[in-house]
N, C-alpha and C. Protein backbone atom coordinates (compact mmCIF):
# COMPACT_ATOMS: atom_id res chain seq x y z
N MET A 1 0.82 -1.19 0.00
CA MET A 1 0.00 0.00 0.00
C MET A 1 0.87 1.26 0.00
N THR A 2 1.99 1.22 0.70
CA THR A 2 2.88 2.38 0.75
C THR A 2 3.39 2.74 -0.64
N ILE A 3 3.77 1.74 -1.41
CA ILE A 3 4.29 2.00 -2.76
C ILE A 3 3.22 2.65 -3.64
N LYS A 4 1.97 2.20 -3.51
CA LYS A 4 0.89 2.81 -4.28
C LYS A 4 0.71 4.28 -3.90
N ARG A 5 0.80 4.57 -2.61
CA ARG A 5 0.64 5.96 -2.16
C ARG A 5 1.80 6.83 -2.64
N ILE A 6 3.00 6.29 -2.57
CA ILE A 6 4.17 7.05 -3.03
C ILE A 6 4.06 7.31 -4.53
N ASN A 7 3.66 6.31 -5.29
CA ASN A 7 3.49 6.49 -6.74
C ASN A 7 2.46 7.57 -7.04
N PHE A 8 1.34 7.54 -6.30
CA PHE A 8 0.31 8.55 -6.49
C PHE A 8 0.86 9.94 -6.16
N LEU A 9 1.56 10.07 -5.04
CA LEU A 9 2.12 11.36 -4.65
C LEU A 9 3.17 11.84 -5.65
N GLN A 10 3.98 10.93 -6.17
CA GLN A 10 4.97 11.32 -7.17
C GLN A 10 4.29 11.85 -8.43
N GLU A 11 3.22 11.22 -8.86
CA GLU A 11 2.48 11.70 -10.02
C GLU A 11 1.85 13.06 -9.74
N LEU A 12 1.30 13.23 -8.54
CA LEU A 12 0.70 14.50 -8.17
C LEU A 12 1.74 15.62 -8.13
N LEU A 13 2.89 15.33 -7.54
CA LEU A 13 3.95 16.32 -7.49
C LEU A 13 4.48 16.65 -8.88
N GLU A 14 4.55 15.67 -9.74
CA GLU A 14 4.97 15.90 -11.13
C GLU A 14 3.99 16.83 -11.82
N PHE A 15 2.71 16.59 -11.61
CA PHE A 15 1.67 17.43 -12.20
C PHE A 15 1.78 18.87 -11.69
N MET A 16 2.17 19.03 -10.44
CA MET A 16 2.29 20.36 -9.83
C MET A 16 3.61 21.05 -10.18
N GLY A 17 4.49 20.35 -10.88
CA GLY A 17 5.78 20.94 -11.22
C GLY A 17 6.85 20.69 -10.19
N LEU A 18 6.61 19.73 -9.31
CA LEU A 18 7.57 19.41 -8.25
C LEU A 18 8.10 17.99 -8.38
N GLY A 19 8.16 17.48 -9.59
CA GLY A 19 8.60 16.11 -9.82
C GLY A 19 10.02 15.86 -9.35
N GLY A 20 10.27 14.65 -8.88
CA GLY A 20 11.60 14.24 -8.44
C GLY A 20 11.92 14.63 -7.01
N ARG A 21 10.96 15.19 -6.29
CA ARG A 21 11.23 15.67 -4.93
C ARG A 21 10.67 14.75 -3.85
N LEU A 22 10.31 13.54 -4.22
CA LEU A 22 9.83 12.55 -3.27
C LEU A 22 10.52 11.23 -3.57
N HIS A 23 11.04 10.59 -2.54
CA HIS A 23 11.80 9.35 -2.73
C HIS A 23 11.49 8.39 -1.59
N LEU A 24 11.33 7.13 -1.92
CA LEU A 24 11.09 6.09 -0.92
C LEU A 24 12.20 5.06 -1.03
N GLU A 25 12.78 4.73 0.09
CA GLU A 25 13.85 3.73 0.11
C GLU A 25 13.69 2.91 1.38
N TRP A 26 13.71 1.59 1.24
CA TRP A 26 13.62 0.72 2.40
C TRP A 26 15.04 0.51 2.94
N ILE A 27 15.26 0.92 4.19
CA ILE A 27 16.58 0.80 4.81
C ILE A 27 16.43 0.24 6.21
N SER A 28 17.19 -0.79 6.50
CA SER A 28 17.19 -1.39 7.83
C SER A 28 17.98 -0.50 8.79
N SER A 29 17.67 -0.59 10.06
CA SER A 29 18.42 0.17 11.06
C SER A 29 19.88 -0.29 11.12
N ALA A 30 20.16 -1.46 10.59
CA ALA A 30 21.53 -1.98 10.58
C ALA A 30 22.31 -1.50 9.36
N GLU A 31 21.68 -0.73 8.48
CA GLU A 31 22.32 -0.29 7.25
C GLU A 31 22.66 1.21 7.30
N ALA A 32 23.48 1.58 8.25
CA ALA A 32 23.83 2.99 8.43
C ALA A 32 24.51 3.57 7.20
N GLN A 33 25.41 2.84 6.59
CA GLN A 33 26.12 3.35 5.41
C GLN A 33 25.16 3.55 4.23
N LYS A 34 24.20 2.63 4.08
CA LYS A 34 23.22 2.78 3.01
C LYS A 34 22.38 4.03 3.25
N PHE A 35 21.99 4.27 4.50
CA PHE A 35 21.22 5.47 4.85
C PHE A 35 21.99 6.74 4.47
N VAL A 36 23.26 6.77 4.85
CA VAL A 36 24.10 7.94 4.54
C VAL A 36 24.17 8.15 3.04
N GLN A 37 24.38 7.09 2.29
CA GLN A 37 24.50 7.19 0.83
C GLN A 37 23.20 7.68 0.20
N VAL A 38 22.06 7.13 0.63
CA VAL A 38 20.76 7.52 0.07
C VAL A 38 20.48 8.99 0.36
N VAL A 39 20.76 9.43 1.58
CA VAL A 39 20.52 10.83 1.94
C VAL A 39 21.42 11.76 1.12
N LYS A 40 22.69 11.40 0.96
CA LYS A 40 23.60 12.22 0.16
C LYS A 40 23.13 12.32 -1.29
N GLU A 41 22.75 11.20 -1.87
CA GLU A 41 22.31 11.19 -3.27
C GLU A 41 21.03 12.00 -3.46
N PHE A 42 20.10 11.85 -2.52
CA PHE A 42 18.84 12.58 -2.65
C PHE A 42 19.05 14.08 -2.43
N THR A 43 19.92 14.43 -1.51
CA THR A 43 20.24 15.84 -1.27
C THR A 43 20.85 16.46 -2.52
N GLU A 44 21.75 15.76 -3.17
CA GLU A 44 22.35 16.26 -4.41
C GLU A 44 21.30 16.39 -5.51
N LYS A 45 20.39 15.44 -5.58
CA LYS A 45 19.33 15.50 -6.59
C LYS A 45 18.46 16.75 -6.37
N ILE A 46 18.11 17.02 -5.12
CA ILE A 46 17.29 18.20 -4.80
C ILE A 46 18.05 19.48 -5.12
N ARG A 47 19.33 19.52 -4.81
CA ARG A 47 20.14 20.69 -5.15
C ARG A 47 20.18 20.92 -6.65
N HIS A 48 20.30 19.82 -7.40
CA HIS A 48 20.33 19.90 -8.85
C HIS A 48 19.00 20.41 -9.42
N LEU A 49 17.88 20.02 -8.79
CA LEU A 49 16.56 20.47 -9.24
C LEU A 49 16.36 21.96 -9.01
N GLY A 50 17.06 22.51 -8.04
CA GLY A 50 16.95 23.94 -7.77
C GLY A 50 15.84 24.27 -6.79
N PRO A 51 15.58 25.56 -6.65
CA PRO A 51 14.59 26.00 -5.67
C PRO A 51 13.17 25.62 -6.08
N ASN A 52 12.28 25.70 -5.14
CA ASN A 52 10.87 25.39 -5.34
C ASN A 52 10.30 26.26 -6.46
N PRO A 53 9.82 25.65 -7.56
CA PRO A 53 9.28 26.46 -8.66
C PRO A 53 7.96 27.13 -8.31
N LEU A 54 7.34 26.74 -7.22
CA LEU A 54 6.07 27.35 -6.82
C LEU A 54 6.27 28.49 -5.84
N ARG A 55 7.49 28.81 -5.53
CA ARG A 55 7.76 29.89 -4.59
C ARG A 55 7.20 31.20 -5.13
N GLY A 56 6.49 31.92 -4.31
CA GLY A 56 5.89 33.16 -4.73
C GLY A 56 4.53 32.99 -5.40
N PHE A 57 4.06 31.77 -5.49
CA PHE A 57 2.76 31.48 -6.09
C PHE A 57 1.66 32.07 -5.22
N THR A 58 0.72 32.78 -5.82
CA THR A 58 -0.40 33.33 -5.07
C THR A 58 -1.71 32.94 -5.74
N LEU A 59 -2.75 32.85 -4.97
CA LEU A 59 -4.05 32.51 -5.51
C LEU A 59 -4.64 33.65 -6.33
N ASN A 60 -4.20 34.87 -6.10
CA ASN A 60 -4.73 36.01 -6.85
C ASN A 60 -4.40 35.92 -8.33
N ASN A 61 -3.30 35.24 -8.67
CA ASN A 61 -2.87 35.14 -10.06
C ASN A 61 -3.19 33.78 -10.68
N LEU A 62 -3.94 32.95 -9.95
CA LEU A 62 -4.21 31.59 -10.38
C LEU A 62 -5.27 31.55 -11.47
N THR A 63 -5.03 30.75 -12.48
CA THR A 63 -6.03 30.45 -13.49
C THR A 63 -6.25 28.95 -13.46
N LEU A 64 -7.47 28.54 -13.23
CA LEU A 64 -7.79 27.12 -13.16
C LEU A 64 -8.26 26.62 -14.51
N ASP A 65 -7.83 25.43 -14.88
CA ASP A 65 -8.29 24.79 -16.10
C ASP A 65 -9.43 23.87 -15.70
N VAL A 66 -10.64 24.42 -15.66
CA VAL A 66 -11.79 23.65 -15.19
C VAL A 66 -12.26 22.63 -16.21
N GLY A 67 -11.88 22.78 -17.45
CA GLY A 67 -12.32 21.84 -18.47
C GLY A 67 -11.35 20.69 -18.70
N ALA A 68 -10.25 20.65 -17.96
CA ALA A 68 -9.24 19.62 -18.19
C ALA A 68 -9.81 18.23 -17.99
N ALA A 69 -10.60 18.05 -16.96
CA ALA A 69 -11.17 16.73 -16.68
C ALA A 69 -12.17 16.33 -17.76
N ALA A 70 -12.86 17.30 -18.34
CA ALA A 70 -13.85 17.02 -19.36
C ALA A 70 -13.26 16.99 -20.76
N GLY A 71 -11.97 17.36 -20.87
CA GLY A 71 -11.33 17.35 -22.16
C GLY A 71 -11.55 18.61 -22.98
N THR A 72 -11.98 19.69 -22.34
CA THR A 72 -12.17 20.95 -23.05
C THR A 72 -11.08 21.93 -22.63
N ALA A 73 -11.01 23.03 -23.31
CA ALA A 73 -9.98 24.02 -23.02
C ALA A 73 -10.52 25.23 -22.27
N ALA A 74 -11.68 25.11 -21.65
CA ALA A 74 -12.27 26.24 -20.94
C ALA A 74 -11.44 26.58 -19.71
N LYS A 75 -11.19 27.88 -19.54
CA LYS A 75 -10.43 28.33 -18.38
C LYS A 75 -11.20 29.44 -17.69
N THR A 76 -11.04 29.50 -16.39
CA THR A 76 -11.69 30.55 -15.62
C THR A 76 -10.77 31.02 -14.52
N ALA A 77 -10.80 32.29 -14.23
CA ALA A 77 -9.97 32.84 -13.16
C ALA A 77 -10.67 32.60 -11.83
N CYS A 78 -9.88 32.43 -10.78
CA CYS A 78 -10.45 32.27 -9.45
C CYS A 78 -11.11 33.57 -9.03
N PRO A 79 -12.31 33.50 -8.49
CA PRO A 79 -12.95 34.73 -8.04
C PRO A 79 -12.28 35.25 -6.78
N GLU A 80 -12.36 36.56 -6.61
CA GLU A 80 -11.84 37.18 -5.39
C GLU A 80 -12.73 36.78 -4.23
N PRO A 81 -12.15 36.58 -3.04
CA PRO A 81 -12.98 36.24 -1.88
C PRO A 81 -13.91 37.40 -1.56
N LYS A 82 -15.12 37.08 -1.17
CA LYS A 82 -16.10 38.10 -0.82
C LYS A 82 -16.20 38.21 0.69
N GLU A 83 -16.34 39.42 1.14
CA GLU A 83 -16.55 39.63 2.56
C GLU A 83 -18.02 39.45 2.86
N THR A 84 -18.29 38.80 3.96
CA THR A 84 -19.67 38.63 4.37
C THR A 84 -19.91 39.42 5.64
N VAL A 85 -21.09 40.00 5.73
CA VAL A 85 -21.45 40.79 6.89
C VAL A 85 -22.63 40.10 7.56
N ALA A 86 -22.48 39.81 8.82
CA ALA A 86 -23.55 39.18 9.56
C ALA A 86 -24.65 40.19 9.82
N GLN A 87 -25.87 39.80 9.52
CA GLN A 87 -27.01 40.68 9.76
C GLN A 87 -27.79 40.16 10.95
N ASN A 88 -28.20 41.08 11.79
CA ASN A 88 -28.96 40.71 13.01
C ASN A 88 -30.43 40.72 12.74
C-alpha cells in the first residue's frame, strides 16, 4: 500500500511541477552506510533540481483549467474572496 501511495504522490507532485522531490527507500536500522548514501544522493538531486518552482505562487494570479477533466480548453480565473457581513 505504501508503494501505491508514493506512486500517487509522485504523479501529483509531477503534475504540480515538483517532480523528483519525493523518494522512498527501504533501509534497515543496521544499514547505516546505506542510509548515509541515500541521503547524500537525494540531497544532491534536490540541489540539482533547484529552488521550489512554486515559490511566490499566489491565488490572486491563479487560473484554473476547469475543463481539463472534461477534455475541453475552458479556463476561468479564481474569483476574489467576498466579505460577508452578519445581519442581526
